[in-house]
C-alpha atoms as a PDB file:
ATOM      1  CA  MET A   1      -0.214  -7.008  -3.392  1.00  0.00           C
ATOM      2  CA  LYS A   2       1.310  -9.458  -5.853  1.00  0.00           C
ATOM      3  CA  ILE A   3       0.718  -9.182  -9.640  1.00  0.00           C
ATOM      4  CA  TYR A   4       2.262 -11.090 -12.596  1.00  0.00           C
ATOM      5  CA  ILE A   5       3.713  -9.324 -15.569  1.00  0.00           C
ATOM      6  CA  ASP A   6       4.453 -10.866 -18.981  1.00  0.00           C
ATOM      7  CA  SER A   7       7.149 -10.038 -21.454  1.00  0.00           C
ATOM      8  CA  LYS A   8       5.278  -7.077 -22.650  1.00  0.00           C
ATOM      9  CA  PHE A   9       4.571  -5.829 -19.026  1.00  0.00           C
ATOM     10  CA  LYS A  10       0.871  -6.672 -19.176  1.00  0.00           C
ATOM     11  CA  CYS A  11      -0.540  -7.572 -15.809  1.00  0.00           C
ATOM     12  CA  HIS A  12      -2.071 -10.855 -14.802  1.00  0.00           C
ATOM     13  CA  THR A  13      -3.677 -11.698 -11.460  1.00  0.00           C
ATOM     14  CA  SER A  14      -2.544 -15.301 -11.457  1.00  0.00           C
ATOM     15  CA  PRO A  15       0.832 -16.916 -11.732  1.00  0.00           C
ATOM     16  CA  GLY A  16       1.658 -18.588 -15.079  1.00  0.00           C
ATOM     17  CA  ASP A  17       4.456 -19.811 -17.414  1.00  0.00           C
ATOM     18  CA  GLY A  18       6.566 -16.856 -18.483  1.00  0.00           C
ATOM     19  CA  LEU A  19       5.111 -14.488 -15.967  1.00  0.00           C
ATOM     20  CA  THR A  20       7.222 -12.615 -13.440  1.00  0.00           C
ATOM     21  CA  ALA A  21       5.805 -11.862  -9.914  1.00  0.00           C
ATOM     22  CA  VAL A  22       5.885  -8.204  -8.913  1.00  0.00           C
ATOM     23  CA  GLU A  23       4.703  -6.624  -5.700  1.00  0.00           C
ATOM     24  CA  THR A  24       2.871  -3.254  -5.953  1.00  0.00           C
ATOM     25  CA  ASP A  25       0.248  -1.109  -4.229  1.00  0.00           C
ATOM     26  CA  ALA A  26      -0.947   0.345  -7.653  1.00  0.00           C
ATOM     27  CA  PHE A  27      -3.856  -1.930  -7.911  1.00  0.00           C
ATOM     28  CA  GLU A  28      -5.064  -2.133  -4.157  1.00  0.00           C
ATOM     29  CA  GLY A  29      -8.915  -2.643  -4.229  1.00  0.00           C
ATOM     30  CA  LYS A  30      -9.109  -3.092  -8.049  1.00  0.00           C
ATOM     31  CA  CYS A  31     -10.923  -6.060  -9.666  1.00  0.00           C
ATOM     32  CA  GLN A  32      -9.309  -8.615 -11.789  1.00  0.00           C
ATOM     33  CA  GLN A  33     -10.491  -7.303 -15.067  1.00  0.00           C
ATOM     34  CA  TYR A  34      -9.303  -3.929 -14.093  1.00  0.00           C
ATOM     35  CA  ILE A  35      -5.711  -5.099 -13.263  1.00  0.00           C
ATOM     36  CA  GLU A  36      -5.465  -7.149 -16.382  1.00  0.00           C
ATOM     37  CA  GLY A  37      -6.236  -4.243 -18.580  1.00  0.00           C
ATOM     38  CA  TYR A  38      -3.017  -2.583 -17.343  1.00  0.00           C
ATOM     39  CA  ARG A  39       0.565  -2.567 -18.083  1.00  0.00           C
ATOM     40  CA  PHE A  40       2.971  -2.260 -15.286  1.00  0.00           C
ATOM     41  CA  VAL A  41       6.621  -1.516 -15.727  1.00  0.00           C
ATOM     42  CA  PRO A  42       8.705  -1.900 -12.578  1.00  0.00           C
ATOM     43  CA  ALA A  43      11.173   0.534 -11.392  1.00  0.00           C
ATOM     44  CA  GLY A  44      14.588   0.006 -13.063  1.00  0.00           C
ATOM     45  CA  GLU A  45      12.976  -1.719 -16.055  1.00  0.00           C
ATOM     46  CA  SER A  46      11.861  -0.203 -19.399  1.00  0.00           C
ATOM     47  CA  TRP A  47       9.438  -1.173 -22.106  1.00  0.00           C
ATOM     48  CA  THR A  48       9.560  -0.132 -25.848  1.00  0.00           C
ATOM     49  CA  ARG A  49       6.387   0.458 -27.735  1.00  0.00           C
ATOM     50  CA  GLU A  50       5.885  -0.729 -31.157  1.00  0.00           C
ATOM     51  CA  ASP A  51       6.610   2.880 -32.386  1.00  0.00           C
ATOM     52  CA  GLY A  52      10.029   2.899 -30.657  1.00  0.00           C
ATOM     53  CA  GLN A  53       8.796   5.079 -27.741  1.00  0.00           C
ATOM     54  CA  VAL A  54      10.615   3.887 -24.602  1.00  0.00           C
ATOM     55  CA  PHE A  55       8.839   4.010 -21.169  1.00  0.00           C
ATOM     56  CA  THR A  56      10.985   3.551 -18.020  1.00  0.00           C
ATOM     57  CA  GLY A  57       9.503   2.324 -14.644  1.00  0.00           C
ATOM     58  CA  GLU A  58       7.873   2.623 -12.627  1.00  0.00           C
ATOM     59  CA  MET A  59       4.953   3.062 -15.106  1.00  0.00           C
ATOM     60  CA  VAL A  60       1.388   2.019 -14.808  1.00  0.00           C
ATOM     61  CA  ALA A  61      -0.808   2.549 -17.872  1.00  0.00           C
ATOM     62  CA  PRO A  62      -3.762   1.010 -19.259  1.00  0.00           C
ATOM     63  CA  TRP A  63      -3.439  -1.015 -22.596  1.00  0.00           C
ATOM     64  CA  ARG A  64      -7.145  -1.527 -22.829  1.00  0.00           C
ATOM     65  CA  PRO A  65      -9.533   1.421 -23.214  1.00  0.00           C
ATOM     66  CA  TYR A  66      -9.828   3.202 -19.892  1.00  0.00           C
ATOM     67  CA  GLU A  67     -13.532   3.566 -20.286  1.00  0.00           C
ATOM     68  CA  ILE A  68     -14.076  -0.146 -20.221  1.00  0.00           C
ATOM     69  CA  LEU A  69     -11.765  -0.510 -17.230  1.00  0.00           C
ATOM     70  CA  THR A  70     -13.558   2.053 -15.137  1.00  0.00           C
ATOM     71  CA  GLU A  71     -16.855   0.258 -15.917  1.00  0.00           C
ATOM     72  CA  PHE A  72     -15.372  -2.995 -14.685  1.00  0.00           C
ATOM     73  CA  GLN A  73     -14.220  -1.393 -11.551  1.00  0.00           C
ATOM     74  CA  ALA A  74     -17.499   0.292 -10.927  1.00  0.00           C
ATOM     75  CA  ILE A  75     -19.469  -2.875 -11.274  1.00  0.00           C
ATOM     76  CA  TYR A  76     -17.158  -4.669  -8.937  1.00  0.00           C
ATOM     77  CA  GLU A  77     -17.580  -1.803  -6.346  1.00  0.00           C
ATOM     78  CA  GLU A  78     -21.228  -2.076  -6.607  1.00  0.00           C
ATOM     79  CA  GLU A  79     -21.029  -5.836  -5.959  1.00  0.00           C
ATOM     80  CA  GLN A  80     -18.791  -5.337  -2.968  1.00  0.00           C
ATOM     81  CA  VAL A  81     -21.467  -2.885  -1.561  1.00  0.00           C
ATOM     82  CA  LYS A  82     -24.339  -5.404  -2.114  1.00  0.00           C
ATOM     83  CA  GLN A  83     -22.163  -8.081  -0.463  1.00  0.00           C
ATOM     84  CA  ALA A  84     -21.451  -5.997   2.515  1.00  0.00           C
ATOM     85  CA  ASP A  85     -25.181  -5.071   2.860  1.00  0.00           C
ATOM     86  CA  MET A  86     -26.253  -8.592   2.718  1.00  0.00           C
ATOM     87  CA  ALA A  87     -23.676  -9.623   5.340  1.00  0.00           C
ATOM     88  CA  ALA A  88     -24.787  -6.724   7.612  1.00  0.00           C
ATOM     89  CA  ALA A  89     -28.622  -7.776   7.060  1.00  0.00           C
ATOM     90  CA  LEU A  90     -27.685 -11.345   8.002  1.00  0.00           C
ATOM     91  CA  ASP A  91     -25.793 -10.228  10.923  1.00  0.00           C
ATOM     92  CA  ILE A  92     -28.650  -8.247  12.201  1.00  0.00           C
ATOM     93  CA  LEU A  93     -31.012 -11.194  11.748  1.00  0.00           C
ATOM     94  CA  GLY A  94     -28.398 -13.435  13.737  1.00  0.00           C
ATOM     95  CA  VAL A  95     -28.089 -15.661  10.731  1.00  0.00           C
ATOM     96  CA  SER A  96     -24.535 -17.101  10.057  1.00  0.00           C
ATOM     97  CA  GLU A  97     -23.410 -18.075   6.556  1.00  0.00           C
END
């Protein structure tokens, strides 16, 4: 999938000024809020944290609290199941959307 990273390697799900498009499988099946809570450093690049610690890519790490991100993802997955259940019920009833 395609994500977009800013100059601090924070992820975005839509293109925008100053963002670089990157292809990765790291976020397949993840919701927008989950993805946008992560930092992605591509292979061959590096990011330096404020304290001077250098991280080289490929690196995927949350910049928002992980607990919040997993909650976003859990809600997203619950909604996906509900939508699939609704679609299956409509299909059984012969109702098309």
